Amino acid sequence: MTAVYEIDTWPWLAGLSRRYGRTVTLGDVPGEVWDDVTSRGDAVWLMGVWERSPAGLEIALADEGLQRDFQSALSDLVTEDVVGSPYCVRRYEVDRALGGQNGLGAAREELKKRGQKLILDYVPNHVAPDHPAITEYPDWFINGTPEDLVNNPTDWFRAGDRIIAHGRDPYFPPWPDVAQLNAFSPGLRKATAETLNTIAEQCDGVRVDMAMLMFNDIFAGTWGEHAGPKPAQEFWPAVIKALPDDFLLIAEAYWDTEWTLQQQGFHLCYDKRLYDRLAHEDANAVREHLKADRAYQDRLIRFTENHDEPRAAAALGPRNRAAAVAIATLPGATLWHDGQFEGRRVKLPVFLGRCPDEPVDEELLAFYRKLTGLRINTGEWHLLDHHDVLAWTWQNGDDRHLVVINFADSTARTRVRAPWFSDGSDRRLTDLLDDRVFDRDGRELAAEGLYVELPPWGCHVLAI
């Protein structure tokens, strides 16, 4: 698997319902839509299929800051557009509004027919404040005292005779719509494995939200004595050991925890560091990042957009296409986001069930269709040590490709030496992005390398 296509399920189905003039659920998405979606990757991540929380929805509707965000994204917002956060999970059962378990099963069959994997979500750190476990298994949660509630009323809430913490990470205030699970609780660890096994019966893999929050050191640093004694074992290894071997685990990872998550059993981890360098830094910063070990890079998933990041068309500006070419032609997996190919610019809050109307950027759509059809990143990969441009090669048997990216805002004029040019043979190079053909003299290639002239943020993906 090399590419995952993320869909924000609720607004996607709402858009299809408007397009087809009927209610579309997961169980009756038209075949032509699945054909289009599955042409964009090897797996589909249906983000946000689990049952939303009525209690979480009430909190969202009363939050003035969230309401401003909603109005900013959707100028004609109505109350019905706010459907609740997909990360405020009440139960790991498919929401009836989306088609329920039968609808998800039908969607999975359509994907399987097309040779695609289905990816869903798992949120290990917190659940909705009305999740049944809060009353049934309160010891799975971070418990406080009445004094905690009095002293920090935004950090805690009352659930029956218990005081439960709101979910959080170490660097931000608590999220008011979720309850904090206790990663040190043996009962929770067992329940996590059981829940993931149930999810594994319905899909081929999960994207695990903020997976590193469950590390012993990070959790202890966040919750201190409220968490209790630190266990001898880490959270993830035992949980993952209980899962099917072929169940794909993708970790949302931050704070340079990718390698540790890989060692603990995750197959793929977010490459947020590369995203930041592509979005904000220069070619040298990107090149340094790409010097990491190939085995490590093969287990990273690269992106320039997802539901947590700003829309690439708006945030990356002129570097958008260059960054997309980079992530699509590097080792590891690629994550694309629904609406990215069409050039959507409005970042939709995950609480909303409808997208604003935006025009399709037909030129950008054609570019992405071309790019995602390449699939050249298999075989031997070599990063070229070139200071003027980003450049790397791929060789898989007789198939040879050279990628050159001018990751700068000025024209690049340089020579690139690929290892195959040393034999002095004449070469025909075809740019797979625009079908241009270049015939080059082998003696010049051997002596001086390939002359490349690229405009700001220009790219070549050359078949040799």
Protein backbone atom coordinates (compact mmCIF):
# COMPACT_ATOMS: atom_id res chain seq x y z
CA MET A 1 0.00 0.00 0.00
CA THR A 2 1.41 3.39 -0.94
CA ALA A 3 -1.43 5.92 -0.74
CA VAL A 4 -4.33 6.53 1.67
CA TYR A 5 -7.23 8.79 0.70
CA GLU A 6 -8.93 10.43 3.69
CA ILE A 7 -12.64 11.27 3.51
CA ASP A 8 -14.48 13.32 6.16
CA THR A 9 -17.43 10.97 6.01
CA TRP A 10 -20.38 13.06 7.22
CA PRO A 11 -19.90 16.12 4.96
CA TRP A 12 -18.88 13.85 2.08
CA LEU A 13 -22.19 11.97 2.28
CA ALA A 14 -24.06 15.28 2.66
CA GLY A 15 -22.42 16.52 -0.54
CA LEU A 16 -23.34 13.33 -2.38
CA SER A 17 -26.91 13.65 -1.13
CA ARG A 18 -27.13 17.14 -2.63
CA ARG A 19 -25.55 15.97 -5.89
CA TYR A 20 -27.89 13.01 -6.38
CA GLY A 21 -31.04 14.59 -4.94
CA ARG A 22 -31.57 11.83 -2.37
CA THR A 23 -30.20 10.75 0.98
CA VAL A 24 -26.92 8.92 0.41
CA THR A 25 -25.51 6.77 3.21
CA LEU A 26 -22.48 4.49 3.26
CA GLY A 27 -24.65 1.62 2.10
CA ASP A 28 -25.76 3.21 -1.18
CA VAL A 29 -22.92 5.38 -2.47
CA PRO A 30 -23.11 5.21 -6.29
CA GLY A 31 -20.54 2.96 -7.95
CA GLU A 32 -19.17 5.80 -10.05
CA VAL A 33 -18.25 7.63 -6.84
CA TRP A 34 -16.36 4.63 -5.50
CA ASP A 35 -14.62 4.36 -8.89
CA ASP A 36 -13.41 7.93 -8.60
CA VAL A 37 -12.41 7.69 -4.93
CA THR A 38 -10.47 4.47 -5.41
CA SER A 39 -8.52 5.93 -8.33
CA ARG A 40 -6.83 8.27 -5.84
CA GLY A 41 -5.01 5.77 -3.64
CA ASP A 42 -4.77 2.20 -2.40
CA ALA A 43 -6.86 2.62 0.76
CA VAL A 44 -9.78 4.80 1.85
CA TRP A 45 -9.86 6.26 5.33
CA LEU A 46 -13.49 6.95 6.23
CA MET A 47 -12.84 9.45 9.00
CA GLY A 48 -15.56 9.89 11.60
CA VAL A 49 -17.94 6.94 11.19
CA TRP A 50 -18.42 6.21 14.91
CA GLU A 51 -21.43 7.29 16.95
CA ARG A 52 -21.31 10.99 17.85
CA SER A 53 -22.11 12.14 21.37
CA PRO A 54 -25.27 14.13 22.14
CA ALA A 55 -23.54 15.50 25.24
CA GLY A 56 -20.53 16.54 23.19
CA LEU A 57 -22.80 18.18 20.63
CA GLU A 58 -24.46 20.29 23.34
CA ILE A 59 -21.05 21.46 24.51
CA ALA A 60 -20.03 22.38 20.96
CA LEU A 61 -23.23 24.33 20.34
CA ALA A 62 -22.66 26.35 23.52
CA ASP A 63 -18.98 27.12 22.84
CA GLU A 64 -18.62 30.68 21.51
CA GLY A 65 -15.13 30.09 20.13
CA LEU A 66 -16.24 27.03 18.19
CA GLN A 67 -19.28 28.89 16.89
CA ARG A 68 -16.99 31.59 15.47
CA ASP A 69 -14.93 28.90 13.75
CA PHE A 70 -18.08 27.32 12.34
CA GLN A 71 -19.37 30.65 10.99
CA SER A 72 -15.99 31.40 9.45
CA ALA A 73 -15.98 28.11 7.56
CA LEU A 74 -19.68 28.09 6.65
CA SER A 75 -21.18 31.55 6.19
CA ASP A 76 -24.74 30.17 5.84
CA LEU A 77 -24.39 27.95 8.93
CA VAL A 78 -27.54 26.52 10.49
CA THR A 79 -27.78 24.54 13.72
CA GLU A 80 -28.27 21.27 11.83
CA ASP A 81 -24.82 21.66 10.25
CA VAL A 82 -23.18 21.06 13.64
CA VAL A 83 -23.14 17.28 14.06
CA GLY A 84 -20.52 16.90 16.81
CA SER A 85 -16.89 15.93 16.87
CA PRO A 86 -15.84 12.55 15.41
CA TYR A 87 -13.20 12.47 18.16
CA CYS A 88 -15.85 12.67 20.86
CA VAL A 89 -16.84 9.01 20.46
CA ARG A 90 -19.85 7.78 22.41
CA ARG A 91 -19.59 4.18 21.20
CA TYR A 92 -17.50 2.37 18.59
CA GLU A 93 -20.60 1.61 16.56
CA VAL A 94 -21.24 3.13 13.14
CA ASP A 95 -23.49 6.16 13.47
CA ARG A 96 -26.99 5.44 12.21
CA ALA A 97 -27.06 8.77 10.41
CA LEU A 98 -24.26 7.46 8.18
CA GLY A 99 -25.84 4.09 7.45
CA GLY A 100 -25.00 2.02 10.52
CA GLN A 101 -23.00 -1.20 10.56
CA ASN A 102 -24.75 -2.58 7.47
CA GLY A 103 -23.91 0.56 5.53
CA LEU A 104 -20.26 0.31 6.50
CA GLY A 105 -20.23 -3.35 5.51
CA ALA A 106 -21.60 -2.48 2.08
CA ALA A 107 -18.99 0.26 1.66
CA ARG A 108 -16.23 -2.16 2.59
CA GLU A 109 -17.46 -4.62 -0.02
CA GLU A 110 -17.41 -1.92 -2.70
CA LEU A 111 -13.84 -1.06 -1.74
CA LYS A 112 -12.80 -4.70 -1.68
CA LYS A 113 -14.20 -5.18 -5.21
CA ARG A 114 -11.83 -2.44 -6.32
CA GLY A 115 -8.83 -3.89 -4.50
CA GLN A 116 -8.88 -1.23 -1.77
CA LYS A 117 -8.35 -1.34 1.97
CA LEU A 118 -10.71 0.38 4.43
CA ILE A 119 -9.20 2.45 7.25
CA LEU A 120 -11.22 3.72 10.26
CA ASP A 121 -10.39 5.72 13.42
CA TYR A 122 -9.44 4.82 16.94
CA VAL A 123 -9.07 7.40 19.73
CA PRO A 124 -7.12 5.89 22.65
CA ASN A 125 -6.78 8.96 24.87
CA HIS A 126 -10.39 9.94 25.55
CA VAL A 127 -14.08 9.26 24.96
CA ALA A 128 -17.30 11.27 25.07
CA PRO A 129 -18.58 12.41 28.49
CA ASP A 130 -21.64 10.19 28.00
CA HIS A 131 -19.70 7.07 27.00
CA PRO A 132 -21.21 4.05 28.84
CA ALA A 133 -17.83 3.12 30.36
CA ILE A 134 -17.82 6.24 32.56
CA THR A 135 -20.53 4.75 34.74
CA GLU A 136 -19.72 1.06 34.12
CA TYR A 137 -15.92 1.21 34.48
CA PRO A 138 -14.99 4.55 36.11
CA ASP A 139 -11.55 3.23 37.10
CA TRP A 140 -10.57 3.29 33.41
CA PHE A 141 -10.53 7.08 33.71
CA ILE A 142 -8.45 9.75 35.42
CA ASN A 143 -10.31 10.34 38.67
CA GLY A 144 -10.04 13.45 40.81
CA THR A 145 -11.47 14.86 43.99
CA PRO A 146 -14.17 17.42 44.77
CA GLU A 147 -11.32 19.83 45.53
CA ASP A 148 -9.95 19.32 42.01
CA LEU A 149 -13.32 20.28 40.58
CA VAL A 150 -13.59 23.37 42.78
CA ASN A 151 -10.05 24.52 42.05
CA ASN A 152 -10.05 23.76 38.31
CA PRO A 153 -13.66 23.55 37.10
CA THR A 154 -12.64 23.63 33.40
CA ASP A 155 -10.36 20.61 33.87
CA TRP A 156 -12.84 18.29 35.60
CA PHE A 157 -16.52 17.31 35.54
CA ARG A 158 -18.84 15.34 37.75
CA ALA A 159 -20.09 11.93 36.58
CA GLY A 160 -22.38 10.41 39.20
CA ASP A 161 -20.33 10.19 42.39
CA ARG A 162 -17.02 10.50 40.52
CA ILE A 163 -14.93 13.48 39.46
CA ILE A 164 -13.48 12.75 36.01
CA ALA A 165 -10.82 14.70 34.12
CA HIS A 166 -11.45 16.24 30.72
CA GLY A 167 -9.14 14.89 28.02
CA ARG A 168 -5.97 16.80 27.19
CA ASP A 169 -2.40 16.63 25.93
CA PRO A 170 0.55 18.14 27.81
CA TYR A 171 0.70 21.39 25.84
CA PHE A 172 -2.87 22.64 25.56
CA PRO A 173 -5.86 23.28 27.84
CA PRO A 174 -8.31 20.38 28.28
CA TRP A 175 -10.90 19.62 25.62
CA PRO A 176 -14.27 20.32 27.26
CA ASP A 177 -16.23 17.67 25.34
CA VAL A 178 -14.25 14.53 26.26
CA ALA A 179 -13.33 12.40 29.30
CA GLN A 180 -9.73 11.38 29.92
CA LEU A 181 -8.91 7.68 29.89
CA ASN A 182 -6.13 6.39 32.16
CA ALA A 183 -3.38 4.74 30.10
CA PHE A 184 -2.03 3.08 33.27
CA SER A 185 -5.28 1.22 34.01
CA PRO A 186 -4.92 -2.55 33.34
CA GLY A 187 -8.65 -2.72 32.66
CA LEU A 188 -8.41 0.00 30.03
CA ARG A 189 -5.47 -1.71 28.31
CA LYS A 190 -7.44 -4.95 28.06
CA ALA A 191 -10.54 -3.09 26.84
CA THR A 192 -8.49 -1.26 24.20
CA ALA A 193 -7.32 -4.55 22.72
CA GLU A 194 -10.87 -5.92 22.77
CA THR A 195 -12.30 -2.80 21.11
CA LEU A 196 -9.63 -2.77 18.42
CA ASN A 197 -10.28 -6.43 17.68
CA THR A 198 -13.97 -5.61 17.23
CA ILE A 199 -13.03 -2.77 14.89
CA ALA A 200 -10.66 -5.11 13.02
CA GLU A 201 -13.67 -7.24 12.06
CA GLN A 202 -15.10 -4.24 10.19
CA CYS A 203 -12.06 -2.82 8.35
CA ASP A 204 -8.46 -3.41 7.34
CA GLY A 205 -6.73 -0.91 9.60
CA VAL A 206 -7.04 2.12 11.86
CA ARG A 207 -5.54 5.55 12.12
CA VAL A 208 -4.82 5.98 15.83
CA ASP A 209 -5.37 9.50 17.10
CA MET A 210 -2.43 11.06 19.03
CA ALA A 211 -0.90 7.62 19.64
CA MET A 212 2.13 8.92 21.57
CA LEU A 213 -0.08 10.30 24.37
CA MET A 214 -0.22 6.76 25.76
CA PHE A 215 3.56 6.45 26.28
CA ASN A 216 4.31 5.88 29.96
CA ASP A 217 6.60 8.90 30.28
CA ILE A 218 4.33 11.27 28.37
CA PHE A 219 1.25 10.13 30.27
CA ALA A 220 2.97 10.38 33.63
CA GLY A 221 4.25 13.84 32.74
CA THR A 222 0.74 14.95 31.81
CA TRP A 223 -1.20 13.50 34.77
CA GLY A 224 1.29 12.96 37.57
CA GLU A 225 -0.12 11.35 40.70
CA HIS A 226 -3.64 11.32 39.27
CA ALA A 227 -2.53 8.53 36.91
CA GLY A 228 -1.22 6.27 39.67
CA PRO A 229 1.99 4.19 39.53
CA LYS A 230 3.73 3.92 36.16
CA PRO A 231 3.41 0.35 34.77
CA ALA A 232 6.48 -1.69 33.96
CA GLN A 233 5.29 -2.19 30.37
CA GLU A 234 4.39 0.37 27.73
CA PHE A 235 0.77 0.67 26.58
CA TRP A 236 1.00 -0.24 22.89
CA PRO A 237 3.13 -3.42 22.59
CA ALA A 238 0.72 -5.65 24.52
CA VAL A 239 -2.33 -4.12 22.82
CA ILE A 240 -0.84 -4.57 19.35
CA LYS A 241 0.26 -8.13 20.11
CA ALA A 242 -3.41 -9.02 20.67
CA LEU A 243 -4.44 -7.79 17.19
CA PRO A 244 -4.42 -9.66 13.85
CA ASP A 245 -1.00 -9.53 12.19
CA ASP A 246 -2.36 -8.07 8.97
CA PHE A 247 -4.34 -5.27 10.66
CA LEU A 248 -2.77 -1.99 9.51
CA LEU A 249 -1.90 0.47 12.29
CA ILE A 250 -1.26 4.12 11.39
CA ALA A 251 -0.13 6.39 14.21
CA GLU A 252 -0.78 10.10 14.35
CA ALA A 253 2.60 11.06 15.78
CA TYR A 254 4.18 14.28 17.03
CA TRP A 255 7.19 15.36 19.11
CA ASP A 256 9.67 13.10 17.26
CA THR A 257 8.03 9.92 18.57
CA GLU A 258 7.78 8.21 15.16
CA TRP A 259 10.69 5.81 15.59
CA THR A 260 9.52 4.72 19.05
CA LEU A 261 6.00 4.09 17.75
CA GLN A 262 7.44 2.02 14.92
CA GLN A 263 9.41 -0.04 17.45
CA GLN A 264 6.26 -0.57 19.50
CA GLY A 265 4.44 -2.08 16.53
CA PHE A 266 2.88 0.64 14.37
CA HIS A 267 3.23 0.02 10.65
CA LEU A 268 3.07 3.68 9.59
CA CYS A 269 3.54 6.96 11.46
CA TYR A 270 2.72 10.53 10.46
CA ASP A 271 5.72 12.45 9.12
CA LYS A 272 4.74 15.80 10.64
CA ARG A 273 8.36 16.97 10.61
CA LEU A 274 8.46 16.71 6.81
CA TYR A 275 5.14 18.55 6.55
CA ASP A 276 6.51 21.44 8.60
CA ARG A 277 9.66 21.64 6.49
CA LEU A 278 7.75 21.52 3.21
CA ALA A 279 5.32 24.16 4.44
CA HIS A 280 7.76 26.57 6.07
CA GLU A 281 11.40 25.77 5.34
CA ASP A 282 13.79 25.43 2.39
CA ALA A 283 15.28 22.66 0.27
CA ASN A 284 18.24 22.15 2.60
CA ALA A 285 15.93 21.48 5.56
CA VAL A 286 13.91 18.99 3.50
CA ARG A 287 17.07 17.29 2.22
CA GLU A 288 18.49 16.85 5.71
CA HIS A 289 15.24 15.24 6.83
CA LEU A 290 15.43 12.77 3.94
CA LYS A 291 18.85 11.47 4.98
CA ALA A 292 17.22 9.20 7.57
CA ASP A 293 17.52 5.44 7.24
CA ARG A 294 15.43 3.94 4.42
CA ALA A 295 13.82 1.33 6.68
CA TYR A 296 12.59 4.14 8.92
CA GLN A 297 11.32 6.21 6.00
CA ASP A 298 9.43 3.25 4.54
CA ARG A 299 7.21 3.33 7.65
CA LEU A 300 6.34 7.03 7.47
CA ILE A 301 3.16 8.42 5.90
CA ARG A 302 3.73 11.79 4.20
CA PHE A 303 1.12 14.50 3.68
CA THR A 304 0.64 18.14 2.78
CA GLU A 305 -2.93 18.25 4.07
CA ASN A 306 -5.33 16.38 6.36
CA HIS A 307 -8.30 17.34 8.52
CA ASP A 308 -5.99 18.81 11.20
CA GLU A 309 -3.91 20.99 8.86
CA PRO A 310 -4.91 24.02 6.76
CA ARG A 311 -5.93 23.32 3.19
CA ALA A 312 -2.77 22.97 1.10
CA ALA A 313 -4.06 25.15 -1.73
CA ALA A 314 -4.43 28.04 0.72
CA ALA A 315 -1.57 27.38 3.13
CA LEU A 316 1.26 26.32 0.82
CA GLY A 317 0.71 28.87 -1.93
CA PRO A 318 3.20 28.55 -4.81
CA ARG A 319 5.02 25.62 -3.17
CA ASN A 320 1.86 23.47 -3.15
CA ARG A 321 2.59 21.39 -6.26
CA ALA A 322 6.30 21.00 -5.51
CA ALA A 323 5.46 19.68 -2.03
CA ALA A 324 2.87 17.29 -3.50
CA VAL A 325 5.39 15.91 -6.00
CA ALA A 326 7.83 15.37 -3.15
CA ILE A 327 5.50 13.36 -0.91
CA ALA A 328 4.18 11.32 -3.85
CA THR A 329 7.65 10.23 -4.99
CA LEU A 330 9.43 9.59 -1.67
CA PRO A 331 9.74 6.30 0.23
CA GLY A 332 6.91 5.44 2.59
CA ALA A 333 3.20 5.99 2.19
CA THR A 334 1.26 9.08 1.11
CA LEU A 335 -1.87 10.58 2.68
CA TRP A 336 -4.23 12.58 0.47
CA HIS A 337 -7.29 14.45 1.75
CA ASP A 338 -10.73 14.71 0.13
CA GLY A 339 -11.03 18.12 -1.56
CA GLN A 340 -7.26 18.55 -1.85
CA PHE A 341 -7.19 17.60 -5.53
CA GLU A 342 -10.01 20.03 -6.34
CA GLY A 343 -8.19 22.91 -4.63
CA ARG A 344 -10.55 23.45 -1.69
CA ARG A 345 -9.28 26.28 0.49
CA VAL A 346 -11.62 26.28 3.50
CA LYS A 347 -10.47 24.15 6.43
CA LEU A 348 -13.68 22.57 7.70
CA PRO A 349 -14.01 22.12 11.48
CA VAL A 350 -14.56 18.42 12.15
CA PHE A 351 -17.78 19.25 14.05
CA LEU A 352 -19.55 20.26 10.82
CA GLY A 353 -21.57 17.97 8.59
CA ARG A 354 -21.55 20.14 5.46
CA CYS A 355 -18.82 21.70 3.32
CA PRO A 356 -19.14 25.17 1.81
CA ASP A 357 -19.53 25.41 -1.95
CA GLU A 358 -16.16 26.07 -3.57
CA PRO A 359 -15.22 26.10 -7.26
CA VAL A 360 -13.15 23.21 -8.57
CA ASP A 361 -9.65 24.15 -9.74
CA GLU A 362 -9.71 22.03 -12.89
CA GLU A 363 -6.02 22.60 -13.66
CA LEU A 364 -5.00 21.48 -10.18
CA LEU A 365 -7.32 18.47 -10.39
CA ALA A 366 -5.67 17.42 -13.66
CA PHE A 367 -2.24 17.79 -12.03
CA TYR A 368 -3.19 15.55 -9.10
CA ARG A 369 -4.74 12.93 -11.36
CA LYS A 370 -1.47 12.80 -13.27
CA LEU A 371 0.62 12.72 -10.10
CA THR A 372 -1.34 9.99 -8.31
CA GLY A 373 -1.20 7.81 -11.42
CA LEU A 374 2.62 7.66 -11.36
CA ARG A 375 3.26 5.15 -8.54
CA ILE A 376 7.02 5.12 -9.10
CA ASN A 377 8.18 4.80 -5.48
CA THR A 378 9.14 1.12 -5.41
CA GLY A 379 12.57 -0.48 -5.66
CA GLU A 380 15.89 1.17 -4.90
CA TRP A 381 15.78 4.83 -3.87
CA HIS A 382 18.75 7.20 -3.72
CA LEU A 383 18.77 10.77 -2.46
CA LEU A 384 21.14 12.82 -4.62
CA ASP A 385 23.45 15.15 -2.72
CA HIS A 386 22.60 18.28 -4.68
CA HIS A 387 22.48 21.71 -3.05
CA ASP A 388 20.61 23.62 -5.77
CA VAL A 389 17.53 21.39 -6.05
CA LEU A 390 15.88 18.40 -4.40
CA ALA A 391 16.65 15.30 -6.43
CA TRP A 392 16.34 11.54 -6.04
CA THR A 393 16.23 8.43 -8.18
CA TRP A 394 14.20 5.23 -8.25
CA GLN A 395 15.15 1.97 -9.93
CA ASN A 396 12.95 -1.11 -10.05
CA GLY A 397 14.39 -3.61 -12.51
CA ASP A 398 14.67 -1.83 -15.84
CA ASP A 399 12.38 1.02 -14.74
CA ARG A 400 14.41 4.11 -13.87
CA HIS A 401 13.11 7.48 -12.72
CA LEU A 402 14.68 10.78 -11.76
CA VAL A 403 12.79 13.35 -9.68
CA VAL A 404 14.05 16.93 -9.64
CA ILE A 405 12.26 19.67 -7.66
CA ASN A 406 13.21 23.34 -7.56
CA PHE A 407 12.07 23.99 -4.01
CA ALA A 408 12.74 27.72 -4.14
CA ASP A 409 11.17 30.98 -5.33
CA SER A 410 13.82 31.67 -8.01
CA THR A 411 14.74 29.90 -11.25
CA ALA A 412 17.12 26.95 -10.89
CA ARG A 413 19.81 26.27 -13.52
CA THR A 414 21.99 23.35 -12.57
CA ARG A 415 23.43 19.95 -13.50
CA VAL A 416 22.13 16.75 -11.95
CA ARG A 417 24.21 13.57 -11.96
CA ALA A 418 22.20 10.36 -11.85
CA PRO A 419 24.15 7.11 -11.38
CA TRP A 420 22.99 5.70 -14.72
CA PHE A 421 24.54 8.52 -16.76
CA SER A 422 28.12 7.37 -16.20
CA ASP A 423 28.08 4.73 -18.97
CA GLY A 424 27.93 7.39 -21.72
CA SER A 425 24.76 6.05 -23.37
CA ASP A 426 22.38 8.44 -25.10
CA ARG A 427 19.18 8.87 -23.14
CA ARG A 428 15.56 9.72 -23.82
CA LEU A 429 13.85 11.33 -20.82
CA THR A 430 10.07 11.64 -20.61
CA ASP A 431 8.53 13.98 -18.04
CA LEU A 432 5.59 12.05 -16.63
CA LEU A 433 3.96 15.23 -15.34
CA ASP A 434 3.51 16.90 -18.74
CA ASP A 435 4.64 14.26 -21.31
CA ARG A 436 7.51 16.37 -22.65
CA VAL A 437 10.34 14.30 -24.20
CA PHE A 438 14.04 15.20 -24.01
CA ASP A 439 16.77 13.42 -26.01
CA ARG A 440 20.19 13.91 -24.45
CA ASP A 441 23.71 13.07 -25.58
CA GLY A 442 25.27 10.34 -23.45
CA ARG A 443 28.77 11.82 -23.50
CA GLU A 444 27.50 15.11 -22.08
CA LEU A 445 25.48 13.29 -19.43
CA ALA A 446 28.55 11.29 -18.38
CA ALA A 447 30.89 14.26 -18.34
CA GLU A 448 28.70 17.02 -16.90
CA GLY A 449 25.37 15.54 -15.82
CA LEU A 450 21.87 16.47 -16.96
CA TYR A 451 21.31 20.19 -17.46
CA VAL A 452 18.11 21.22 -15.69
CA GLU A 453 16.37 24.58 -15.81
CA LEU A 454 13.26 24.87 -13.68
CA PRO A 455 11.08 27.87 -12.77
CA PRO A 456 10.34 28.65 -9.12
CA TRP A 457 8.77 25.57 -7.50
CA GLY A 458 9.00 23.67 -10.81
CA CYS A 459 9.37 19.88 -11.01
CA HIS A 460 10.46 17.07 -13.27
CA VAL A 461 9.47 13.42 -12.82
CA LEU A 462 11.55 11.83 -15.56
CA ALA A 463 11.31 8.30 -16.90
CA ILE A 464 14.79 7.45 -18.19
